[in-house]
Amino acid sequence: MSAVSVTEFKAHCLDLIRQVEQQGTAFDLTRRGRIVARLVPSAPAERDTAPWLRLRGSGRLSAAPGESVLDAADFEAMQSASQ
């Protein structure tokens, strides 16, 4: 993994991103010698799988099955706003 200063990254960001994208090179971004961020290649996406299927299992359910996350008053407000 290579270290690049934030100033150098700013000046050459497109080239560095291209290296990450094409060669899989990862970079530590530093400010005054301290690592402040890391630029790494993303996990390869499965091209044959629809995007919404790739997201399956990555969310969090905040309501019980069959329970609405909106109050009845919210629906009424939305209906009166559209009229």
Foldseek 3Di string as FASTA:
>chain_A
DEEAEPVRCVVCVVVVVVCCVPVQDKYFYDDPRHGDDIRTRDDDDDPVDDPVVVCPPVDDDPDDVVDDPDDPVVVVVVVVVVD
